[in-house]
Structure formats: C-alpha cells, structure tokens
C-alpha cells in the first residue's frame, strides 16, 4: 500500500513538473516586453560616412538624373517581408547592399514573431533614395531633415514603428512589434551590418547599410 501511494505521488509530482515546465516555456515565448530598452543613436555624421563609402559616388540634383544610376541600384517593391509606403519625397531605389539589409530585417523580424508565437506582419518602408530637390522640399516641412542627407546615396531607408502591415495570425500590440523590430535592428547593428537612429519626432528607424 505504501509503495503504491509512493508511486502515485511520484507520478503526480512528475506530471506537475512537466506541466510547470511547459507553461513556463510557453510564457517565455509569448511574453514580449512593451518597453523599449535598445540604444540606437547613430548620428547623421556617422551614417553619412558609411553612405558616402558604400553608396552612390555623388548626389542627384533631381529625379531626371535617376536614369544615370538606375543600373547600379535595386528597385524595391512590396514583397513578403516589407511594404513600400506611398513615397512623397523619395524614390524606391537602394544599393544592392542596402536592399539585402532591408530584406534581412524583414525576414528576421518575421522569424522573431514566429518564435514568440505571434502572427505575421510586414514592416513598412517610408523613405528611400532622395535627390537634392527632394531634400530641399522636405526641409520645408520636416524639422529632422538635413541638407547632407544619407538618403541621397541610396544606402539609407526609414522603417516606421507606428504602423505595421498585419498579414495573418495572432495579433500583437504596437509596443511589442516595436520591441521585436528594435531587437532585430540592434542585433544587426552589433554585427556591423548597419547604423540605426531611433527617431522620435518622426516615428521611424533611420537605417544606413554598412555594405
């Protein structure tokens, strides 16, 4: 009788341990923080050096000059990983290195969502290559805009963190999505793939490729 009770007790305790372990693991992957702890503050002068090193050899005065460099650039369009927003002050072209970086960010972001058992979202690109004319127009309405913009070298793009393109599955909060995107950017930055500025007046991540 005593042996039988002992066996039942051991079985019960083993089941409780397994259930606690499963619940703990489930909690770990589901519990995405909503605070933003990542320090992403690479200033324009730092990003500009990388843009001039890896991007176009010079800036374009207007969009009419785009044909001169179009063959050196990648035309980015909506895909599984990102959506290109309606662009008003830029055109959707990047260097090959920057376009590969953008795709990696979108891929890694969705991989992180899947890891945390959240649904599928696409990041949204809000600004890409700008001409000198685009920069002058933008400076009239955007206080963050600068005359020597890294966007002029086709190495730089902005990703908004105020909107994400929901595709399917379990929905996440905006803060959770921003956290996971920030985590991806921080990891790629640490690997030397990019520079990142966490802009707050304009809710976006300003990203320059280092390849």
N, C-alpha and C. Protein backbone atom coordinates (compact mmCIF):
# COMPACT_ATOMS: atom_id res chain seq x y z
N UNK A 1 0.83 -1.20 0.00
CA UNK A 1 0.00 0.00 0.00
C UNK A 1 0.87 1.26 0.00
N UNK A 2 1.91 1.21 0.89
CA UNK A 2 2.79 2.35 1.00
C UNK A 2 3.55 2.58 -0.32
N UNK A 3 3.98 1.45 -0.97
CA UNK A 3 4.70 1.55 -2.24
C UNK A 3 3.80 2.13 -3.33
N UNK A 4 2.53 1.69 -3.34
CA UNK A 4 1.58 2.18 -4.33
C UNK A 4 1.34 3.67 -4.16
N UNK A 5 1.19 4.12 -2.92
CA UNK A 5 0.99 5.55 -2.65
C UNK A 5 2.21 6.35 -3.09
N UNK A 6 3.38 5.79 -2.81
CA UNK A 6 4.63 6.46 -3.19
C UNK A 6 4.73 6.60 -4.71
N UNK A 7 4.32 5.56 -5.43
CA UNK A 7 4.37 5.58 -6.89
C UNK A 7 3.39 6.61 -7.45
N UNK A 8 2.19 6.64 -6.85
CA UNK A 8 1.19 7.63 -7.28
C UNK A 8 1.69 9.05 -7.04
N UNK A 9 2.30 9.26 -5.86
CA UNK A 9 2.83 10.58 -5.51
C UNK A 9 3.92 11.00 -6.48
N UNK A 10 4.84 10.06 -6.78
CA UNK A 10 5.92 10.37 -7.71
C UNK A 10 5.39 10.70 -9.10
N UNK A 11 4.39 9.94 -9.54
CA UNK A 11 3.78 10.19 -10.85
C UNK A 11 3.11 11.56 -10.88
N UNK A 12 2.40 11.89 -9.79
CA UNK A 12 1.72 13.18 -9.70
C UNK A 12 2.73 14.33 -9.74
N UNK A 13 3.79 14.20 -8.96
CA UNK A 13 4.81 15.25 -8.92
C UNK A 13 5.50 15.41 -10.27
N UNK A 14 5.74 14.27 -10.94
CA UNK A 14 6.37 14.32 -12.27
C UNK A 14 5.47 15.05 -13.26
N UNK A 15 4.17 14.77 -13.20
CA UNK A 15 3.23 15.44 -14.10
C UNK A 15 3.16 16.93 -13.81
N UNK A 16 3.17 17.30 -12.54
CA UNK A 16 3.14 18.71 -12.16
C UNK A 16 4.39 19.44 -12.66
N UNK A 17 5.53 18.75 -12.56
CA UNK A 17 6.79 19.35 -13.02
C UNK A 17 6.75 19.59 -14.53
N UNK A 18 6.25 18.57 -15.26
CA UNK A 18 6.17 18.70 -16.72
C UNK A 18 5.23 19.84 -17.11
N UNK A 19 4.08 19.91 -16.43
CA UNK A 19 3.12 20.97 -16.74
C UNK A 19 3.70 22.35 -16.44
N UNK A 20 4.42 22.46 -15.32
CA UNK A 20 5.03 23.74 -14.95
C UNK A 20 6.09 24.14 -15.96
N UNK A 21 6.85 23.14 -16.43
CA UNK A 21 7.91 23.41 -17.41
C UNK A 21 7.32 23.89 -18.73
N UNK A 22 6.26 23.20 -19.17
CA UNK A 22 5.60 23.57 -20.43
C UNK A 22 5.02 24.97 -20.33
N UNK A 23 4.35 25.23 -19.22
CA UNK A 23 3.75 26.56 -19.03
C UNK A 23 4.80 27.65 -18.99
N UNK A 24 5.91 27.36 -18.33
CA UNK A 24 7.00 28.35 -18.22
C UNK A 24 7.58 28.66 -19.58
N UNK A 25 7.80 27.61 -20.40
CA UNK A 25 8.34 27.80 -21.74
C UNK A 25 7.36 28.60 -22.60
N UNK A 26 6.10 28.23 -22.49
CA UNK A 26 5.07 28.92 -23.25
C UNK A 26 5.02 30.39 -22.86
N UNK A 27 5.15 30.65 -21.58
CA UNK A 27 5.13 32.03 -21.10
C UNK A 27 6.34 32.79 -21.63
N UNK A 28 7.51 32.14 -21.66
CA UNK A 28 8.72 32.81 -22.12
C UNK A 28 8.61 33.26 -23.56
N UNK A 29 8.06 32.41 -24.42
CA UNK A 29 8.00 32.77 -25.82
C UNK A 29 6.85 33.73 -26.12
N UNK A 30 5.85 33.75 -25.28
CA UNK A 30 4.70 34.63 -25.52
C UNK A 30 4.87 36.02 -24.91
N UNK A 31 5.68 36.10 -23.87
CA UNK A 31 5.75 37.34 -23.11
C UNK A 31 6.77 38.29 -23.74
N UNK A 32 6.34 39.11 -24.70
CA UNK A 32 7.21 40.09 -25.35
C UNK A 32 7.12 41.41 -24.60
N UNK A 33 8.23 41.98 -24.16
CA UNK A 33 8.19 43.25 -23.41
C UNK A 33 7.59 44.37 -24.25
N UNK A 34 7.06 45.37 -23.58
CA UNK A 34 6.50 46.53 -24.28
C UNK A 34 7.33 47.78 -24.06
N UNK A 35 8.34 47.69 -23.21
CA UNK A 35 9.26 48.81 -23.04
C UNK A 35 10.36 48.70 -24.10
N UNK A 36 10.98 49.82 -24.44
CA UNK A 36 11.99 49.83 -25.50
C UNK A 36 13.36 50.15 -24.89
N UNK A 37 14.20 49.13 -24.65
CA UNK A 37 15.47 49.34 -23.96
C UNK A 37 16.68 49.54 -24.88
N UNK A 38 16.48 49.49 -26.20
CA UNK A 38 17.62 49.49 -27.11
C UNK A 38 18.14 50.90 -27.39
N UNK A 39 19.46 51.03 -27.32
CA UNK A 39 20.09 52.32 -27.60
C UNK A 39 20.52 52.34 -29.06
N UNK A 40 19.73 52.98 -29.89
CA UNK A 40 20.00 53.07 -31.32
C UNK A 40 20.13 54.55 -31.66
N UNK A 41 21.34 55.08 -31.58
CA UNK A 41 21.53 56.53 -31.68
C UNK A 41 22.74 56.89 -32.53
N UNK A 42 22.85 56.27 -33.70
CA UNK A 42 23.95 56.60 -34.61
C UNK A 42 23.61 57.89 -35.35
N UNK A 43 24.36 58.94 -35.05
CA UNK A 43 24.04 60.28 -35.56
C UNK A 43 24.32 60.39 -37.06
N UNK A 44 23.84 61.48 -37.65
CA UNK A 44 23.93 61.67 -39.10
C UNK A 44 25.37 61.65 -39.60
N UNK A 45 26.29 62.28 -38.86
CA UNK A 45 27.68 62.34 -39.33
C UNK A 45 28.30 60.95 -39.44
N UNK A 46 27.94 60.05 -38.53
CA UNK A 46 28.44 58.68 -38.57
C UNK A 46 27.83 57.93 -39.75
N UNK A 47 26.53 58.08 -39.91
CA UNK A 47 25.84 57.39 -41.00
C UNK A 47 26.27 57.94 -42.36
N UNK A 48 26.56 59.25 -42.41
CA UNK A 48 26.95 59.87 -43.68
C UNK A 48 28.26 59.30 -44.22
N UNK A 49 29.21 59.04 -43.35
CA UNK A 49 30.49 58.45 -43.78
C UNK A 49 30.27 57.09 -44.42
N UNK A 50 29.41 56.29 -43.82
CA UNK A 50 29.11 54.96 -44.38
C UNK A 50 28.37 55.10 -45.71
N UNK A 51 27.45 56.05 -45.78
CA UNK A 51 26.68 56.25 -47.01
C UNK A 51 27.59 56.67 -48.16
N UNK A 52 28.51 57.57 -47.89
CA UNK A 52 29.42 58.04 -48.94
C UNK A 52 30.42 56.96 -49.35
N UNK A 53 30.74 56.08 -48.43
CA UNK A 53 31.69 54.99 -48.72
C UNK A 53 31.04 53.89 -49.55
N UNK A 54 29.80 53.53 -49.22
CA UNK A 54 29.17 52.36 -49.84
C UNK A 54 28.08 52.71 -50.86
N UNK A 55 27.74 53.99 -50.96
CA UNK A 55 26.62 54.36 -51.83
C UNK A 55 27.03 54.98 -53.14
N UNK A 56 26.14 55.76 -53.72
CA UNK A 56 26.39 56.43 -54.98
C UNK A 56 27.60 57.36 -54.85
N UNK A 57 28.37 57.54 -55.93
CA UNK A 57 29.56 58.39 -55.85
C UNK A 57 29.24 59.87 -55.67
N UNK A 58 28.00 60.25 -55.98
CA UNK A 58 27.58 61.64 -55.80
C UNK A 58 26.08 61.72 -55.69
N UNK A 59 25.58 62.88 -55.31
CA UNK A 59 24.14 63.05 -55.15
C UNK A 59 23.49 63.43 -56.48
N UNK A 60 22.20 63.17 -56.58
CA UNK A 60 21.43 63.51 -57.77
C UNK A 60 20.72 64.84 -57.54
N UNK A 61 20.84 65.74 -58.50
CA UNK A 61 20.20 67.04 -58.33
C UNK A 61 18.68 66.93 -58.40
N UNK A 62 18.19 66.08 -59.30
CA UNK A 62 16.75 65.91 -59.46
C UNK A 62 16.46 64.49 -59.92
N UNK A 63 15.19 64.14 -59.99
CA UNK A 63 14.81 62.79 -60.39
C UNK A 63 15.06 62.54 -61.88
N UNK A 64 15.22 63.62 -62.64
CA UNK A 64 15.53 63.46 -64.05
C UNK A 64 16.91 62.80 -64.24
N UNK A 65 17.77 62.89 -63.23
CA UNK A 65 19.10 62.30 -63.33
C UNK A 65 19.13 60.84 -62.88
N UNK A 66 18.00 60.31 -62.48
CA UNK A 66 17.94 58.95 -61.96
C UNK A 66 18.38 57.91 -63.00
N UNK A 67 18.09 58.16 -64.27
CA UNK A 67 18.45 57.21 -65.32
C UNK A 67 19.95 56.96 -65.38
N UNK A 68 20.75 57.92 -64.94
CA UNK A 68 22.21 57.76 -64.98
C UNK A 68 22.71 56.69 -64.03
N UNK A 69 21.96 56.43 -62.96
CA UNK A 69 22.43 55.49 -61.93
C UNK A 69 21.49 54.32 -61.72
N UNK A 70 20.40 54.28 -62.46
CA UNK A 70 19.39 53.25 -62.24
C UNK A 70 19.96 51.84 -62.36
N UNK A 71 20.91 51.65 -63.28
CA UNK A 71 21.52 50.34 -63.49
C UNK A 71 22.35 49.86 -62.32
N UNK A 72 22.75 50.76 -61.44
CA UNK A 72 23.56 50.41 -60.28
C UNK A 72 22.72 50.13 -59.04
N UNK A 73 21.42 50.36 -59.17
CA UNK A 73 20.55 50.28 -57.99
C UNK A 73 19.51 49.17 -58.13
N UNK A 74 18.90 48.84 -57.00
CA UNK A 74 17.83 47.83 -56.95
C UNK A 74 16.51 48.56 -56.71
N UNK A 75 15.54 48.26 -57.56
CA UNK A 75 14.21 48.85 -57.40
C UNK A 75 13.45 48.01 -56.37
N UNK A 76 13.10 48.59 -55.25
CA UNK A 76 12.41 47.83 -54.21
C UNK A 76 10.90 48.01 -54.33
N UNK A 77 10.19 46.90 -54.20
CA UNK A 77 8.73 46.90 -54.27
C UNK A 77 8.19 46.01 -53.14
N UNK A 78 6.89 46.04 -52.94
CA UNK A 78 6.26 45.19 -51.92
C UNK A 78 6.67 43.73 -52.10
N UNK A 79 6.96 43.07 -50.98
CA UNK A 79 7.30 41.65 -51.02
C UNK A 79 6.78 40.98 -49.74
N UNK A 80 7.17 39.74 -49.51
CA UNK A 80 6.67 39.02 -48.33
C UNK A 80 7.12 39.65 -47.02
N UNK A 81 8.26 40.36 -47.04
CA UNK A 81 8.85 40.86 -45.80
C UNK A 81 8.56 42.32 -45.50
N UNK A 82 8.30 43.11 -46.53
CA UNK A 82 8.06 44.54 -46.29
C UNK A 82 7.10 45.11 -47.32
N UNK A 83 6.53 46.26 -46.95
CA UNK A 83 5.66 47.01 -47.84
C UNK A 83 6.25 48.40 -48.02
N UNK A 84 6.27 48.88 -49.24
CA UNK A 84 6.77 50.23 -49.51
C UNK A 84 5.58 51.19 -49.43
N UNK A 85 5.67 52.15 -48.54
CA UNK A 85 4.60 53.11 -48.33
C UNK A 85 4.47 54.04 -49.55
N UNK A 86 3.44 54.84 -49.58
CA UNK A 86 3.32 55.85 -50.64
C UNK A 86 4.41 56.89 -50.41
N UNK A 87 5.34 56.99 -51.34
CA UNK A 87 6.50 57.86 -51.17
C UNK A 87 6.22 59.24 -51.78
N UNK A 88 6.46 60.29 -51.00
CA UNK A 88 6.22 61.65 -51.48
C UNK A 88 7.52 62.42 -51.68
N UNK A 89 8.57 62.06 -50.93
CA UNK A 89 9.83 62.79 -51.02
C UNK A 89 11.03 61.88 -51.31
N UNK A 90 10.77 60.74 -51.89
CA UNK A 90 11.85 59.81 -52.23
C UNK A 90 11.38 58.85 -53.30
N UNK A 91 12.32 58.10 -53.85
CA UNK A 91 12.01 57.10 -54.88
C UNK A 91 12.53 55.75 -54.41
N UNK A 92 11.88 54.64 -54.79
CA UNK A 92 12.18 53.32 -54.21
C UNK A 92 13.39 52.61 -54.83
N UNK A 93 14.56 53.18 -54.62
CA UNK A 93 15.79 52.57 -55.11
C UNK A 93 16.83 52.52 -54.00
N UNK A 94 17.58 51.41 -53.94
CA UNK A 94 18.64 51.24 -52.96
C UNK A 94 19.84 50.56 -53.62
N UNK A 95 21.00 50.70 -53.00
CA UNK A 95 22.14 49.91 -53.44
C UNK A 95 21.85 48.44 -53.14
N UNK A 96 22.60 47.56 -53.76
CA UNK A 96 22.37 46.14 -53.53
C UNK A 96 22.56 45.79 -52.05
N UNK A 97 23.60 46.35 -51.44
CA UNK A 97 23.85 46.06 -50.02
C UNK A 97 22.71 46.51 -49.14
N UNK A 98 22.16 47.70 -49.43
CA UNK A 98 21.05 48.23 -48.63
C UNK A 98 19.78 47.42 -48.85
N UNK A 99 19.54 47.00 -50.10
CA UNK A 99 18.33 46.21 -50.38
C UNK A 99 18.40 44.85 -49.70
N UNK A 100 19.60 44.27 -49.65
CA UNK A 100 19.77 42.99 -48.96
C UNK A 100 19.57 43.16 -47.45
N UNK A 101 20.05 44.27 -46.92
CA UNK A 101 19.85 44.56 -45.50
C UNK A 101 18.37 44.69 -45.18
N UNK A 102 17.63 45.42 -46.01
CA UNK A 102 16.19 45.61 -45.81
C UNK A 102 15.47 44.26 -45.79
N UNK A 103 15.83 43.39 -46.72
CA UNK A 103 15.18 42.08 -46.77
C UNK A 103 15.53 41.24 -45.54
N UNK A 104 16.79 41.35 -45.09
CA UNK A 104 17.21 40.63 -43.89
C UNK A 104 16.43 41.10 -42.67
N UNK A 105 16.24 42.41 -42.56
CA UNK A 105 15.48 42.95 -41.43
C UNK A 105 14.06 42.39 -41.43
N UNK A 106 13.41 42.43 -42.60
CA UNK A 106 12.05 41.91 -42.70
C UNK A 106 11.97 40.43 -42.40
N UNK A 107 12.96 39.66 -42.90
CA UNK A 107 12.99 38.21 -42.65
C UNK A 107 13.19 37.91 -41.17
N UNK A 108 14.18 38.58 -40.56
CA UNK A 108 14.49 38.32 -39.15
C UNK A 108 13.34 38.77 -38.24
N UNK A 109 12.66 39.84 -38.64
CA UNK A 109 11.51 40.31 -37.85
C UNK A 109 10.40 39.26 -37.85
N UNK A 110 10.10 38.70 -39.02
CA UNK A 110 9.07 37.67 -39.08
C UNK A 110 9.50 36.39 -38.36
N UNK A 111 10.78 36.08 -38.41
CA UNK A 111 11.30 34.92 -37.69
C UNK A 111 11.11 35.11 -36.19
N UNK A 112 11.34 36.32 -35.70
CA UNK A 112 11.17 36.62 -34.29
C UNK A 112 9.70 36.54 -33.89
N UNK A 113 8.81 37.02 -34.75
CA UNK A 113 7.37 36.92 -34.49
C UNK A 113 6.96 35.46 -34.35
N UNK A 114 7.46 34.64 -35.25
CA UNK A 114 7.12 33.21 -35.22
C UNK A 114 7.65 32.56 -33.95
N UNK A 115 8.85 32.92 -33.54
CA UNK A 115 9.45 32.38 -32.32
C UNK A 115 8.58 32.69 -31.11
N UNK A 116 7.98 33.87 -31.09
CA UNK A 116 7.14 34.27 -29.97
C UNK A 116 5.67 33.93 -30.17
N UNK A 117 5.41 33.08 -31.19
CA UNK A 117 4.07 32.59 -31.47
C UNK A 117 3.08 33.72 -31.75
N UNK A 118 3.58 34.75 -32.44
CA UNK A 118 2.72 35.85 -32.86
C UNK A 118 2.46 35.72 -34.36
N UNK A 119 1.51 36.49 -34.85
CA UNK A 119 1.15 36.41 -36.26
C UNK A 119 2.19 37.01 -37.18
N UNK A 120 1.88 37.02 -38.47
CA UNK A 120 2.78 37.56 -39.48
C UNK A 120 2.48 39.03 -39.74
N UNK A 121 3.53 39.84 -39.70
CA UNK A 121 3.44 41.26 -40.03
C UNK A 121 4.57 41.62 -40.98
N UNK A 122 4.32 42.60 -41.84
CA UNK A 122 5.38 43.15 -42.67
C UNK A 122 5.76 44.52 -42.14
N UNK A 123 7.05 44.84 -42.20
CA UNK A 123 7.49 46.19 -41.86
C UNK A 123 7.12 47.13 -43.02
N UNK A 124 7.05 48.42 -42.72
CA UNK A 124 6.65 49.41 -43.73
C UNK A 124 7.78 50.41 -43.96
N UNK A 125 8.25 50.50 -45.19
CA UNK A 125 9.32 51.42 -45.57
C UNK A 125 8.70 52.76 -45.95
N UNK A 126 9.15 53.84 -45.30
CA UNK A 126 8.51 55.14 -45.52
C UNK A 126 9.38 56.14 -46.28
N UNK A 127 10.67 55.86 -46.41
CA UNK A 127 11.53 56.78 -47.17
C UNK A 127 12.75 56.03 -47.69
N UNK A 128 13.18 56.38 -48.91
CA UNK A 128 14.31 55.67 -49.52
C UNK A 128 15.26 56.70 -50.14
N UNK A 129 15.55 56.62 -51.42
CA UNK A 129 16.51 57.50 -52.09
C UNK A 129 15.92 58.89 -52.34
N UNK A 130 16.66 59.92 -51.95
CA UNK A 130 16.22 61.29 -52.18
C UNK A 130 17.22 62.04 -53.07
N UNK A 131 16.69 62.89 -53.92
CA UNK A 131 17.53 63.78 -54.71
C UNK A 131 17.73 65.08 -53.92
N UNK A 132 18.60 65.93 -54.40
CA UNK A 132 18.81 67.23 -53.73
C UNK A 132 17.50 68.03 -53.73
N UNK A 133 16.77 67.91 -54.81
CA UNK A 133 15.47 68.60 -54.92
C UNK A 133 14.49 68.07 -53.88
N UNK A 134 14.47 66.74 -53.69
CA UNK A 134 13.61 66.13 -52.68
C UNK A 134 13.96 66.64 -51.28
N UNK A 135 15.26 66.73 -51.00
CA UNK A 135 15.72 67.18 -49.69
C UNK A 135 15.30 68.61 -49.42
N UNK A 136 15.43 69.48 -50.41
CA UNK A 136 15.03 70.88 -50.24
C UNK A 136 13.53 70.98 -49.94
N UNK A 137 12.73 70.21 -50.65
CA UNK A 137 11.28 70.24 -50.42
C UNK A 137 10.94 69.71 -49.02
N UNK A 138 11.65 68.65 -48.62
CA UNK A 138 11.37 68.03 -47.33
C UNK A 138 11.75 68.94 -46.17
N UNK A 139 12.83 69.68 -46.32
CA UNK A 139 13.30 70.56 -45.24
C UNK A 139 12.29 71.65 -44.91
N UNK A 140 11.39 71.92 -45.83
CA UNK A 140 10.37 72.95 -45.58
C UNK A 140 9.28 72.46 -44.62
N UNK A 141 9.13 71.11 -44.53
CA UNK A 141 8.04 70.57 -43.71
C UNK A 141 8.50 69.62 -42.60
N UNK A 142 9.76 69.20 -42.65
CA UNK A 142 10.26 68.22 -41.67
C UNK A 142 11.49 68.78 -40.96
N UNK A 143 11.37 69.02 -39.65
CA UNK A 143 12.48 69.60 -38.89
C UNK A 143 13.66 68.65 -38.75
N UNK A 144 13.42 67.35 -38.93
CA UNK A 144 14.51 66.36 -38.84
C UNK A 144 15.35 66.31 -40.09
N UNK A 145 14.83 66.82 -41.19
CA UNK A 145 15.54 66.75 -42.47
C UNK A 145 16.81 67.62 -42.42
N UNK A 146 17.89 67.10 -43.02
CA UNK A 146 19.15 67.83 -43.08
C UNK A 146 19.60 67.94 -44.53
N UNK A 147 20.41 68.96 -44.82
CA UNK A 147 20.85 69.21 -46.19
C UNK A 147 21.72 68.08 -46.70
N UNK A 148 22.65 67.60 -45.86
CA UNK A 148 23.52 66.48 -46.24
C UNK A 148 22.87 65.19 -45.73
N UNK A 149 21.95 64.68 -46.51
CA UNK A 149 21.17 63.51 -46.09
C UNK A 149 21.80 62.22 -46.59
N UNK A 150 21.84 61.22 -45.73
CA UNK A 150 22.34 59.91 -46.14
C UNK A 150 21.42 59.26 -47.16
N UNK A 151 20.18 59.70 -47.20
CA UNK A 151 19.22 59.17 -48.17
C UNK A 151 19.65 59.46 -49.62
N UNK A 152 20.53 60.43 -49.80
CA UNK A 152 20.95 60.82 -51.15
C UNK A 152 21.93 59.83 -51.79
N UNK A 153 22.39 58.86 -51.01
CA UNK A 153 23.38 57.91 -51.53
C UNK A 153 22.81 56.51 -51.75
N UNK A 154 21.51 56.36 -51.57
CA UNK A 154 20.81 55.09 -51.82
C UNK A 154 21.21 53.97 -50.87
N UNK A 155 21.80 54.33 -49.76
CA UNK A 155 22.20 53.35 -48.75
C UNK A 155 21.26 53.34 -47.55
N UNK A 156 20.32 54.27 -47.56
CA UNK A 156 19.54 54.55 -46.35
C UNK A 156 18.04 54.44 -46.60
N UNK A 157 17.34 53.91 -45.60
CA UNK A 157 15.89 53.83 -45.67
C UNK A 157 15.32 54.01 -44.27
N UNK A 158 14.06 54.42 -44.22
CA UNK A 158 13.35 54.57 -42.95
C UNK A 158 12.28 53.50 -42.84
N UNK A 159 12.16 52.94 -41.64
CA UNK A 159 11.08 51.98 -41.34
C UNK A 159 10.27 52.56 -40.19
N UNK A 160 8.98 52.72 -40.40
CA UNK A 160 8.14 53.26 -39.34
C UNK A 160 7.92 52.24 -38.23
N UNK A 161 7.79 52.72 -37.00
CA UNK A 161 7.41 51.83 -35.90
C UNK A 161 6.03 52.20 -35.35
N UNK A 162 5.35 53.11 -36.05
CA UNK A 162 4.00 53.50 -35.63
C UNK A 162 2.93 52.70 -36.37
N UNK A 163 3.35 51.97 -37.42
CA UNK A 163 2.43 51.15 -38.20
C UNK A 163 3.15 49.89 -38.67
N UNK A 164 2.44 48.79 -38.72
CA UNK A 164 2.95 47.54 -39.28
C UNK A 164 1.84 46.95 -40.14
N UNK A 165 2.23 46.23 -41.17
CA UNK A 165 1.25 45.65 -42.09
C UNK A 165 0.87 44.25 -41.62
N UNK A 166 -0.31 44.13 -41.00
CA UNK A 166 -0.79 42.85 -40.49
C UNK A 166 -1.15 41.93 -41.66
N UNK A 167 -0.67 40.68 -41.60
CA UNK A 167 -0.95 39.70 -42.65
C UNK A 167 -1.90 38.62 -42.14
N UNK A 168 -1.52 37.95 -41.04
CA UNK A 168 -2.38 36.87 -40.53
C UNK A 168 -1.90 36.44 -39.14
N UNK A 169 -2.75 35.64 -38.47
CA UNK A 169 -2.36 35.05 -37.19
C UNK A 169 -2.66 35.90 -35.98
N UNK A 170 -2.02 35.55 -34.87
CA UNK A 170 -2.23 36.21 -33.58
C UNK A 170 -1.72 37.64 -33.62
N UNK A 171 -2.56 38.57 -33.25
CA UNK A 171 -2.17 39.98 -33.27
C UNK A 171 -1.29 40.34 -32.08
N UNK A 172 -0.40 41.28 -32.31
CA UNK A 172 0.49 41.79 -31.26
C UNK A 172 0.18 43.27 -31.03
N UNK A 173 0.61 43.80 -29.89
CA UNK A 173 0.44 45.23 -29.66
C UNK A 173 1.52 45.98 -30.43
N UNK A 174 1.27 47.26 -30.65
CA UNK A 174 2.23 48.10 -31.37
C UNK A 174 3.56 48.16 -30.61
N UNK A 175 3.50 48.21 -29.29
CA UNK A 175 4.72 48.26 -28.48
C UNK A 175 5.52 46.97 -28.59
N UNK A 176 4.82 45.84 -28.64
CA UNK A 176 5.51 44.56 -28.80
C UNK A 176 6.20 44.48 -30.17
N UNK A 177 5.52 44.95 -31.20
CA UNK A 177 6.10 44.93 -32.55
C UNK A 177 7.32 45.84 -32.62
N UNK A 178 7.23 47.00 -31.99
CA UNK A 178 8.37 47.91 -31.98
C UNK A 178 9.54 47.29 -31.23
N UNK A 179 9.26 46.63 -30.12
CA UNK A 179 10.32 45.97 -29.35
C UNK A 179 11.03 44.92 -30.20
N UNK A 180 10.28 44.06 -30.86
CA UNK A 180 10.89 42.99 -31.65
C UNK A 180 11.67 43.53 -32.84
N UNK A 181 11.16 44.57 -33.48
CA UNK A 181 11.89 45.19 -34.58
C UNK A 181 13.17 45.84 -34.06
N UNK A 182 13.08 46.52 -32.91
CA UNK A 182 14.26 47.13 -32.32
C UNK A 182 15.31 46.09 -31.96
N UNK A 183 14.87 44.95 -31.48
CA UNK A 183 15.79 43.86 -31.13
C UNK A 183 16.52 43.36 -32.37
N UNK A 184 15.79 43.20 -33.47
CA UNK A 184 16.40 42.76 -34.73
C UNK A 184 17.44 43.78 -35.21
N UNK A 185 17.07 45.06 -35.17
CA UNK A 185 17.98 46.11 -35.62
C UNK A 185 19.22 46.19 -34.74
N UNK A 186 19.04 46.03 -33.44
CA UNK A 186 20.16 46.07 -32.51
C UNK A 186 21.14 44.94 -32.79
N UNK A 187 20.61 43.76 -33.08
CA UNK A 187 21.47 42.61 -33.38
C UNK A 187 22.24 42.81 -34.67
N UNK A 188 21.59 43.32 -35.70
CA UNK A 188 22.26 43.56 -36.98
C UNK A 188 23.29 44.69 -36.85
N UNK A 189 22.96 45.68 -36.05
CA UNK A 189 23.91 46.76 -35.78
C UNK A 189 25.16 46.23 -35.09
N UNK A 190 24.97 45.35 -34.10
CA UNK A 190 26.10 44.77 -33.37
C UNK A 190 26.98 43.91 -34.27
N UNK A 191 26.39 43.36 -35.33
CA UNK A 191 27.14 42.54 -36.28
C UNK A 191 27.86 43.39 -37.34
N UNK A 192 27.68 44.71 -37.26
CA UNK A 192 28.34 45.59 -38.21
C UNK A 192 27.63 45.72 -39.54
N UNK A 193 26.35 45.35 -39.59
CA UNK A 193 25.60 45.40 -40.84
C UNK A 193 25.03 46.80 -41.13
N UNK A 194 24.81 47.59 -40.08
CA UNK A 194 24.13 48.86 -40.30
C UNK A 194 24.35 49.83 -39.15
N UNK A 195 23.99 51.09 -39.41
CA UNK A 195 23.86 52.11 -38.38
C UNK A 195 22.37 52.42 -38.26
N UNK A 196 21.93 52.75 -37.03
CA UNK A 196 20.50 52.98 -36.81
C UNK A 196 20.29 54.18 -35.89
N UNK A 197 19.36 55.03 -36.26
CA UNK A 197 18.91 56.11 -35.39
C UNK A 197 17.44 55.91 -35.06
N UNK A 198 17.14 55.85 -33.77
CA UNK A 198 15.75 55.74 -33.31
C UNK A 198 15.18 57.15 -33.25
N UNK A 199 14.49 57.55 -34.31
CA UNK A 199 13.91 58.89 -34.35
C UNK A 199 12.58 58.90 -33.61
N UNK A 200 12.28 60.02 -32.97
CA UNK A 200 11.06 60.09 -32.18
C UNK A 200 10.10 61.18 -32.65
N UNK A 201 10.62 62.28 -33.16
CA UNK A 201 9.71 63.29 -33.71
C UNK A 201 8.99 62.75 -34.93
N UNK A 202 9.73 62.03 -35.76
CA UNK A 202 9.14 61.25 -36.84
C UNK A 202 9.28 59.79 -36.41
N UNK A 203 8.18 59.08 -36.18
CA UNK A 203 8.27 57.73 -35.58
C UNK A 203 8.83 56.68 -36.55
N UNK A 204 10.16 56.67 -36.65
CA UNK A 204 10.77 55.70 -37.57
C UNK A 204 12.18 55.35 -37.10
N UNK A 205 12.70 54.26 -37.66
CA UNK A 205 14.11 53.90 -37.51
C UNK A 205 14.80 54.32 -38.81
N UNK A 206 15.81 55.15 -38.67
CA UNK A 206 16.59 55.66 -39.81
C UNK A 206 17.82 54.78 -39.93
N UNK A 207 17.93 54.02 -41.03
CA UNK A 207 18.91 52.93 -41.12
C UNK A 207 19.81 53.09 -42.33
N UNK A 208 21.12 53.00 -42.12
CA UNK A 208 22.09 53.07 -43.21
C UNK A 208 22.91 51.78 -43.26
N UNK A 209 22.98 51.22 -44.46
CA UNK A 209 23.75 49.99 -44.65
C UNK A 209 25.25 50.27 -44.57
N UNK A 210 25.99 49.32 -44.04
CA UNK A 210 27.45 49.45 -43.95
C UNK A 210 28.15 48.53 -44.96
N UNK A 211 27.41 48.11 -45.99
CA UNK A 211 27.98 47.29 -47.05
C UNK A 211 27.59 47.83 -48.41
